[in-house]
Protein backbone atom coordinates (compact mmCIF):
# COMPACT_ATOMS: atom_id res chain seq x y z
CA UNK A 1 140.37 100.61 79.21
CA UNK A 2 138.56 99.09 76.20
CA UNK A 3 135.66 100.89 74.60
CA UNK A 4 132.24 99.28 74.47
CA UNK A 5 132.57 98.49 70.77
CA UNK A 6 135.91 96.77 71.32
CA UNK A 7 134.55 94.78 74.25
CA UNK A 8 131.53 93.57 72.29
CA UNK A 9 133.60 92.87 69.17
CA UNK A 10 135.82 90.48 71.16
CA UNK A 11 132.85 88.37 72.36
CA UNK A 12 132.88 84.72 71.24
CA UNK A 13 129.82 83.38 69.42
CA UNK A 14 128.50 81.36 72.36
CA UNK A 15 128.62 84.43 74.64
CA UNK A 16 126.54 86.44 72.14
CA UNK A 17 123.92 83.66 72.14
CA UNK A 18 123.88 83.64 75.96
CA UNK A 19 123.41 87.41 76.10
CA UNK A 20 120.62 87.23 73.50
CA UNK A 21 118.86 84.53 75.56
CA UNK A 22 119.22 86.61 78.73
CA UNK A 23 117.74 89.69 77.01
CA UNK A 24 114.83 87.61 75.70
CA UNK A 25 114.12 86.09 79.13
CA UNK A 26 114.31 89.49 80.83
CA UNK A 27 111.86 90.97 78.29
CA UNK A 28 109.35 88.14 78.78
CA UNK A 29 109.60 88.32 82.60
CA UNK A 30 109.25 92.11 82.47
CA UNK A 31 106.15 91.71 80.30
CA UNK A 32 104.53 89.39 82.85
CA UNK A 33 105.41 91.75 85.70
CA UNK A 34 104.31 94.80 83.67
CA UNK A 35 100.81 93.38 83.18
CA UNK A 36 100.55 92.71 86.90
CA UNK A 37 102.03 96.12 87.77
CA UNK A 38 99.70 97.99 85.41
CA UNK A 39 96.60 96.27 86.79
CA UNK A 40 97.66 96.93 90.38
CA UNK A 41 98.56 100.59 89.78
CA UNK A 42 95.35 101.36 87.86
CA UNK A 43 93.33 99.53 90.54
CA UNK A 44 95.01 101.67 93.19
CA UNK A 45 94.11 104.83 91.26
CA UNK A 46 90.49 103.66 91.00
CA UNK A 47 90.30 102.50 94.65
CA UNK A 48 90.11 98.80 93.77
CA UNK A 49 92.22 95.82 94.83
CA UNK A 50 93.40 94.56 91.45
CA UNK A 51 94.81 91.02 91.01
CA UNK A 52 95.07 89.38 94.44
CA UNK A 53 93.99 85.76 94.01
CA UNK A 54 96.60 83.90 91.93
CA UNK A 55 99.86 83.78 93.89
CA UNK A 56 101.10 86.17 96.56
CA UNK A 57 99.66 89.64 95.84
CA UNK A 58 98.33 88.22 92.55
CA UNK A 59 101.86 88.00 91.08
CA UNK A 60 101.01 84.93 89.00
CA UNK A 61 97.85 86.44 87.48
CA UNK A 62 99.53 87.38 84.17
CA UNK A 63 101.06 83.89 83.91
CA UNK A 64 97.62 82.35 84.51
CA UNK A 65 96.15 84.60 81.80
CA UNK A 66 98.87 83.47 79.39
CA UNK A 67 98.13 79.80 80.04
CA UNK A 68 94.41 80.49 79.56
CA UNK A 69 95.10 82.15 76.19
CA UNK A 70 97.27 79.23 75.07
CA UNK A 71 94.50 76.72 75.87
CA UNK A 72 91.78 78.63 74.02
CA UNK A 73 90.54 77.45 70.64
CA UNK A 74 92.53 78.92 67.76
CA UNK A 75 90.10 80.21 65.12
CA UNK A 76 90.86 81.54 61.64
CA UNK A 77 88.00 83.37 59.86
CA UNK A 78 86.77 81.80 56.63
CA UNK A 79 87.44 85.02 54.64
CA UNK A 80 90.96 85.50 56.03
CA UNK A 81 94.20 85.19 54.08
CA UNK A 82 95.57 82.36 56.22
CA UNK A 83 99.30 82.77 55.52
CA UNK A 84 99.32 86.53 56.18
CA UNK A 85 96.90 86.10 59.10
CA UNK A 86 99.43 83.80 60.81
CA UNK A 87 102.53 85.84 59.88
CA UNK A 88 101.19 89.21 61.15
CA UNK A 89 101.48 88.53 64.92
CA UNK A 90 104.88 86.91 64.38
CA UNK A 91 106.15 90.08 62.66
CA UNK A 92 104.89 92.26 65.50
CA UNK A 93 106.39 90.04 68.21
CA UNK A 94 109.82 89.55 66.63
CA UNK A 95 110.51 93.17 65.66
CA UNK A 96 109.95 94.49 69.19
CA UNK A 97 112.62 92.12 70.56
CA UNK A 98 115.11 93.13 67.85
CA UNK A 99 115.27 96.70 69.17
CA UNK A 100 117.22 95.50 72.23
CA UNK A 101 120.19 94.45 70.10
CA UNK A 102 121.76 97.92 70.32
CA UNK A 103 120.54 99.04 73.77
CA UNK A 104 123.44 99.22 76.31
CA UNK A 105 121.95 97.71 79.47
CA UNK A 106 125.13 97.72 81.62
CA UNK A 107 128.65 99.04 81.55
CA UNK A 108 131.69 96.78 81.62
CA UNK A 109 130.94 93.51 83.46
CA UNK A 110 132.36 90.00 83.69
CA UNK A 111 130.18 87.21 82.31
CA UNK A 112 131.46 83.61 82.49
CA UNK A 113 135.03 84.87 82.82
CA UNK A 114 134.84 87.26 79.82
CA UNK A 115 134.90 91.04 80.05
CA UNK A 116 131.94 92.34 78.09
CA UNK A 117 128.94 94.69 78.22
CA UNK A 118 125.27 93.69 78.22
CA UNK A 119 124.74 94.87 74.65
CA UNK A 120 124.50 92.51 71.68
CA UNK A 121 126.09 94.83 69.12
CA UNK A 122 127.25 98.41 68.80
CA UNK A 123 126.83 99.86 65.31
CA UNK A 124 127.55 103.49 64.30
CA UNK A 125 123.88 104.07 63.40
CA UNK A 126 122.29 102.22 66.31
CA UNK A 127 119.47 104.71 66.87
CA UNK A 128 118.50 104.63 63.19
CA UNK A 129 118.40 100.83 63.45
CA UNK A 130 115.89 101.08 66.32
CA UNK A 131 113.70 103.52 64.35
CA UNK A 132 113.82 101.25 61.30
CA UNK A 133 112.79 98.20 63.34
CA UNK A 134 109.93 100.18 64.92
CA UNK A 135 108.74 101.13 61.42
CA UNK A 136 108.71 97.50 60.31
CA UNK A 137 106.69 96.51 63.38
CA UNK A 138 103.64 98.41 62.13
CA UNK A 139 103.43 96.02 59.17
CA UNK A 140 102.27 93.34 61.59
CA UNK A 141 99.34 95.54 62.64
CA UNK A 142 98.41 96.58 59.10
CA UNK A 143 98.62 93.04 57.74
CA UNK A 144 96.60 91.71 60.70
CA UNK A 145 93.79 94.14 59.88
CA UNK A 146 93.90 93.47 56.13
CA UNK A 147 94.19 89.67 56.32
CA UNK A 148 91.23 89.29 58.72
CA UNK A 149 88.74 89.79 55.89
CA UNK A 150 86.65 92.10 58.06
CA UNK A 151 85.91 95.82 57.91
CA UNK A 152 86.63 96.91 61.47
CA UNK A 153 90.06 95.25 61.80
CA UNK A 154 91.01 96.82 58.45
CA UNK A 155 90.04 100.28 59.74
CA UNK A 156 92.09 99.68 62.88
CA UNK A 157 95.12 98.67 60.83
CA UNK A 158 94.85 101.74 58.59
CA UNK A 159 94.50 104.00 61.61
CA UNK A 160 97.61 102.50 63.14
CA UNK A 161 99.68 102.97 59.98
CA UNK A 162 98.69 106.65 59.70
CA UNK A 163 99.30 107.13 63.42
CA UNK A 164 102.75 105.52 63.47
CA UNK A 165 103.92 107.37 60.35
CA UNK A 166 102.81 110.70 61.83
CA UNK A 167 104.41 110.23 65.22
CA UNK A 168 107.58 108.56 63.93
CA UNK A 169 108.37 111.80 62.09
CA UNK A 170 108.15 113.78 65.33
CA UNK A 171 110.10 111.08 67.17
CA UNK A 172 112.89 111.09 64.59
CA UNK A 173 113.10 114.88 64.63
CA UNK A 174 113.30 114.90 68.44
CA UNK A 175 116.44 112.73 68.23
CA UNK A 176 118.28 115.04 65.81
CA UNK A 177 119.22 117.37 68.67
CA UNK A 178 120.70 114.40 70.53
CA UNK A 179 122.82 113.51 67.49
CA UNK A 180 124.01 117.12 67.19
CA UNK A 181 125.13 117.31 70.82
CA UNK A 182 126.64 113.82 71.10
CA UNK A 183 128.23 113.84 67.65
CA UNK A 184 127.25 110.19 67.12
CA UNK A 185 124.32 107.89 66.38
CA UNK A 186 125.82 105.02 68.36
CA UNK A 187 123.83 104.27 71.51
CA UNK A 188 126.95 103.57 73.62
CA UNK A 189 128.59 106.84 72.49
CA UNK A 190 125.41 108.79 73.36
CA UNK A 191 125.40 107.26 76.85
CA UNK A 192 129.08 108.14 77.29
CA UNK A 193 128.42 111.72 76.15
CA UNK A 194 125.98 112.21 79.06
CA UNK A 195 128.66 111.81 81.72
CA UNK A 196 128.19 115.39 82.97
CA UNK A 197 124.61 116.40 82.05
CA UNK A 198 121.72 114.21 80.99
CA UNK A 199 120.11 115.25 77.72
CA UNK A 200 116.71 115.28 79.43
CA UNK A 201 117.96 118.49 81.06
CA UNK A 202 120.08 119.98 78.28
CA UNK A 203 117.57 119.11 75.53
CA UNK A 204 114.35 119.25 77.54
CA UNK A 205 112.04 120.11 74.57
CA UNK A 206 113.40 117.09 72.66
CA UNK A 207 112.77 114.93 75.71
CA UNK A 208 109.14 116.09 75.99
CA UNK A 209 108.51 115.60 72.25
CA UNK A 210 110.01 112.10 72.38
CA UNK A 211 107.90 111.12 75.42
CA UNK A 212 104.68 112.21 73.69
CA UNK A 213 105.70 110.51 70.44
CA UNK A 214 106.55 107.20 72.11
CA UNK A 215 103.06 107.00 73.63
CA UNK A 216 101.55 107.54 70.17
CA UNK A 217 104.04 105.07 68.67
CA UNK A 218 102.99 102.25 71.00
CA UNK A 219 99.21 102.77 70.49
CA UNK A 220 98.70 103.35 74.19
CA UNK A 221 96.02 105.44 75.89
CA UNK A 222 95.17 108.22 75.32
CA UNK A 223 96.43 107.46 71.79
CA UNK A 224 95.07 103.89 71.49
CA UNK A 225 92.99 104.78 68.42
CA UNK A 226 94.03 101.68 66.48
CA UNK A 227 91.97 99.58 68.89
CA UNK A 228 89.25 102.00 69.97
CA UNK A 229 86.63 99.66 71.37
CA UNK A 230 83.80 102.16 71.01
CA UNK A 231 83.92 102.38 67.22
CA UNK A 232 86.19 99.53 66.07
CA UNK A 233 85.08 96.65 68.33
CA UNK A 234 88.65 95.99 69.48
CA UNK A 235 90.58 97.13 66.41
CA UNK A 236 93.04 95.22 64.22
CA UNK A 237 93.13 92.07 66.41
CA UNK A 238 89.34 91.58 66.63
CA UNK A 239 89.45 88.27 64.74
CA UNK A 240 92.46 86.86 66.64
CA UNK A 241 92.35 84.36 69.48
CA UNK A 242 94.58 81.98 71.43
CA UNK A 243 98.36 82.29 70.97
CA UNK A 244 98.12 84.69 68.03
CA UNK A 245 96.32 87.22 70.19
CA UNK A 246 98.85 86.55 72.97
CA UNK A 247 101.67 87.49 70.55
CA UNK A 248 100.06 90.89 69.90
CA UNK A 249 99.65 91.34 73.65
CA UNK A 250 103.32 90.43 74.18
CA UNK A 251 104.40 92.79 71.39
CA UNK A 252 102.55 95.73 72.95
CA UNK A 253 104.27 95.43 76.32
CA UNK A 254 107.74 94.60 74.93
CA UNK A 255 107.33 97.67 72.71
CA UNK A 256 106.62 99.79 75.78
CA UNK A 257 109.78 98.45 77.43
CA UNK A 258 111.78 99.03 74.22
CA UNK A 259 110.81 102.70 73.77
CA UNK A 260 111.36 103.25 77.52
CA UNK A 261 114.82 101.68 77.24
CA UNK A 262 115.61 103.93 74.27
CA UNK A 263 114.43 107.01 76.19
CA UNK A 264 116.63 105.95 79.11
CA UNK A 265 119.60 105.54 76.78
CA UNK A 266 119.19 108.81 74.90
CA UNK A 267 117.96 111.18 77.61
CA UNK A 268 118.59 109.77 81.12
CA UNK A 269 122.20 108.67 80.88
CA UNK A 270 121.49 105.00 80.17
CA UNK A 271 122.88 102.65 82.78
CA UNK A 272 124.74 105.41 84.65
CA UNK A 273 123.76 106.16 88.25
CA UNK A 274 121.86 109.20 89.42
CA UNK A 275 123.98 112.34 89.97
CA UNK A 276 126.09 112.00 93.10
CA UNK A 277 125.75 108.19 93.22
CA UNK A 278 128.40 107.31 90.63
CA UNK A 279 130.34 105.25 93.19
CA UNK A 280 127.59 102.60 93.06
CA UNK A 281 128.44 101.73 89.44
CA UNK A 282 131.35 99.57 90.58
CA UNK A 283 129.24 97.52 93.00
CA UNK A 284 128.72 93.81 92.22
CA UNK A 285 131.48 93.95 89.63
CA UNK A 286 129.62 96.53 87.55
CA UNK A 287 126.32 94.61 87.54
CA UNK A 288 124.70 97.25 89.78
CA UNK A 289 124.40 99.47 86.69
CA UNK A 290 121.73 96.99 85.54
CA UNK A 291 119.59 98.08 88.50
CA UNK A 292 119.95 101.77 87.63
CA UNK A 293 118.98 101.03 84.02
CA UNK A 294 115.78 99.19 84.96
CA UNK A 295 114.82 101.77 87.60
CA UNK A 296 114.76 104.38 84.82
CA UNK A 297 112.87 102.05 82.46
CA UNK A 298 110.25 101.36 85.14
CA UNK A 299 109.88 105.11 85.70
CA UNK A 300 108.81 105.49 82.06
CA UNK A 301 106.52 102.47 82.38
CA UNK A 302 104.81 104.11 85.35
CA UNK A 303 104.21 107.20 83.18
CA UNK A 304 102.52 104.96 80.59
CA UNK A 305 100.23 103.46 83.25
CA UNK A 306 99.55 106.84 84.81
CA UNK A 307 98.42 108.26 81.47
CA UNK A 308 96.15 105.27 80.87
CA UNK A 309 94.53 105.63 84.27
CA UNK A 310 93.91 109.39 84.08
CA UNK A 311 93.41 110.63 80.52
CA UNK A 312 90.44 109.96 78.19
CA UNK A 313 90.97 108.86 74.61
CA UNK A 314 91.36 111.67 72.07
CA UNK A 315 89.35 112.01 68.90
CA UNK A 316 91.26 110.83 65.85
CA UNK A 317 91.25 114.24 64.17
CA UNK A 318 92.59 115.89 67.36
CA UNK A 319 95.33 113.29 67.58
CA UNK A 320 96.49 113.71 63.98
CA UNK A 321 96.24 117.50 64.14
CA UNK A 322 98.40 117.53 67.27
CA UNK A 323 101.06 115.40 65.55
CA UNK A 324 101.24 117.31 62.26
CA UNK A 325 100.47 120.87 63.36
CA UNK A 326 102.14 121.00 66.77
CA UNK A 327 104.81 118.35 67.37
CA UNK A 328 106.47 118.39 63.93
CA UNK A 329 106.72 122.22 63.55
CA UNK A 330 107.98 122.58 67.14
CA UNK A 331 110.57 119.84 66.50
CA UNK A 332 111.86 121.59 63.37
CA UNK A 333 112.09 124.96 65.15
CA UNK A 334 113.91 123.34 68.09
CA UNK A 335 116.44 121.68 65.73
CA UNK A 336 117.26 125.09 64.22
CA UNK A 337 117.78 126.56 67.70
CA UNK A 338 119.96 123.65 68.87
CA UNK A 339 122.06 123.69 65.69
CA UNK A 340 122.65 127.44 66.03
CA UNK A 341 123.60 127.14 69.70
CA UNK A 342 125.96 124.28 68.91
CA UNK A 343 127.69 126.22 66.13
CA UNK A 344 128.08 129.26 68.38
CA UNK A 345 129.61 127.19 71.16
CA UNK A 346 131.98 125.30 68.82
CA UNK A 347 133.17 128.56 67.25
CA UNK A 348 134.18 129.85 70.66
CA UNK A 349 131.36 132.32 71.22
CA UNK A 350 131.14 133.64 74.75
CA UNK A 351 128.53 132.32 77.13
CA UNK A 352 126.89 135.74 77.14
CA UNK A 353 126.25 135.53 73.37
CA UNK A 354 124.88 132.00 73.62
CA UNK A 355 122.67 132.96 76.57
CA UNK A 356 121.44 136.11 74.80
CA UNK A 357 120.48 134.05 71.73
CA UNK A 358 118.60 131.52 73.86
CA UNK A 359 116.76 134.26 75.77
CA UNK A 360 115.87 135.97 72.47
CA UNK A 361 114.34 132.76 71.14
CA UNK A 362 112.30 132.34 74.33
CA UNK A 363 111.02 135.93 74.08
CA UNK A 364 110.04 135.45 70.42
CA UNK A 365 108.16 132.24 71.21
CA UNK A 366 106.34 133.90 74.10
CA UNK A 367 105.41 136.90 71.91
CA UNK A 368 104.03 134.64 69.17
CA UNK A 369 102.06 132.67 71.76
CA UNK A 370 100.57 135.86 73.25
CA UNK A 371 99.57 137.14 69.79
CA UNK A 372 97.99 133.80 68.97
CA UNK A 373 96.03 133.76 72.24
CA UNK A 374 94.87 137.36 71.68
CA UNK A 375 93.63 136.58 68.18
CA UNK A 376 91.83 133.54 69.57
CA UNK A 377 90.16 135.66 72.25
CA UNK A 378 89.08 138.30 69.71
CA UNK A 379 87.51 135.65 67.50
CA UNK A 380 85.68 134.21 70.48
CA UNK A 381 84.32 137.62 71.52
CA UNK A 382 83.17 138.63 68.03
CA UNK A 383 79.36 138.67 67.60
CA UNK A 384 78.17 135.54 65.92
CA UNK A 385 76.44 136.27 62.63
CA UNK A 386 72.94 134.91 62.30
CA UNK A 387 73.02 131.77 60.32
CA UNK A 388 71.13 131.80 57.02
CA UNK A 389 67.89 129.89 56.92
CA UNK A 390 68.19 126.45 55.40
CA UNK A 391 67.19 126.18 51.79
CA UNK A 392 65.21 123.03 52.41
CA UNK A 393 61.78 123.03 54.03
CA UNK A 394 61.61 122.15 57.72
CA UNK A 395 58.17 120.89 58.72
CA UNK A 396 56.68 122.20 61.92
CA UNK A 397 55.70 119.95 64.77
CA UNK A 398 52.11 118.71 64.40
CA UNK A 399 51.23 119.88 67.91
CA UNK A 400 52.90 122.84 69.61
CA UNK A 401 52.12 123.18 73.30
CA UNK A 402 52.87 126.67 74.56
CA UNK A 403 52.44 126.01 78.25
CA UNK A 404 51.06 123.50 80.66
CA UNK A 405 49.43 124.74 83.79
CA UNK A 406 49.04 122.46 86.71
CA UNK A 407 46.35 123.26 89.25
CA UNK A 408 47.74 123.50 92.75
CA UNK A 409 44.56 122.16 94.28
CA UNK A 410 43.15 119.37 92.15
CA UNK A 411 46.19 118.65 90.03
CA UNK A 412 44.13 118.82 86.78
CA UNK A 413 45.92 119.96 83.62
CA UNK A 414 44.40 122.81 81.60
């Protein structure tokens, strides 16, 4: 049986173009359905109806909104850098689609008489390619804020750049454990390595760190600080309208689907079926694996919507502190643990030794956590020193009323 790389390498040029068109169409359709799904789910959480007017169950509402955006007047601010202002949404929209080039969506299938896999290319450093493309995507946001010629969009763009840089470090570190266990950076090899156990189970801390990082990476609530309406009046796309704004909207949802597809590939076995249901992978000539893949992607999308509907937005300093002081140190510590466990297992250490090492690490972490909580409690219980009087003069109120007595009978005030 041919490997995925050999199958894809034998594809003729026209078949690659067909697969690219199919991936593009699926992403656009998923975006339309995601907008509808998010509005319906959040409405359900808030005891509302949600979209229910345009089409059956409001299914065409997102399409109607897209047409409305396209027919709006396209304005460019007088102070804007016009070339960069136009290029910024194009950069954001194109980079999010490029991530799907290395995502294995199905196993071996037959398409127009050719044996292939629904993956455009399989390169040895596929995961690094996805991270690089995600890094380039933030340029669209930064340039949109800078080129608008306005203060608030610029602040939104700068926030986004700092946010993405911070959480991309934690995201990259969370994937190191996956590389160590799979022995490859190729997405198809990582999926094949999860034939027995999904990495969401084996590398659960990495999975949790990645899930938190991907929410921060996509600027979604509660981490949507690049477009915080309260203080930035909409953020980096404040000055955009019509199709340019629609491109940013498209980029946001395709980005959500892209990071969810990467999480599915790296931690949930990719297109493979749930445990015990492996026999379904041969149904429909192998195309049933497409259904398993999108079920997992939609699970992550539901988590995105759930977070938006339940959690308030964090303060920016809390958000950055969590990324730099919690996620990154925990990721580095977890990499050291995983590397040690992997070396012990490869050198033929007994399971008892490996288990004892893992239990020892857990005990150390728990002890450090208890000490930290105790020190926090002691600080909280310490008597608060009286603050020194301010050096500057504080004028007294012109009239100080000590008490106001109200007569029970006449109601006159004394």
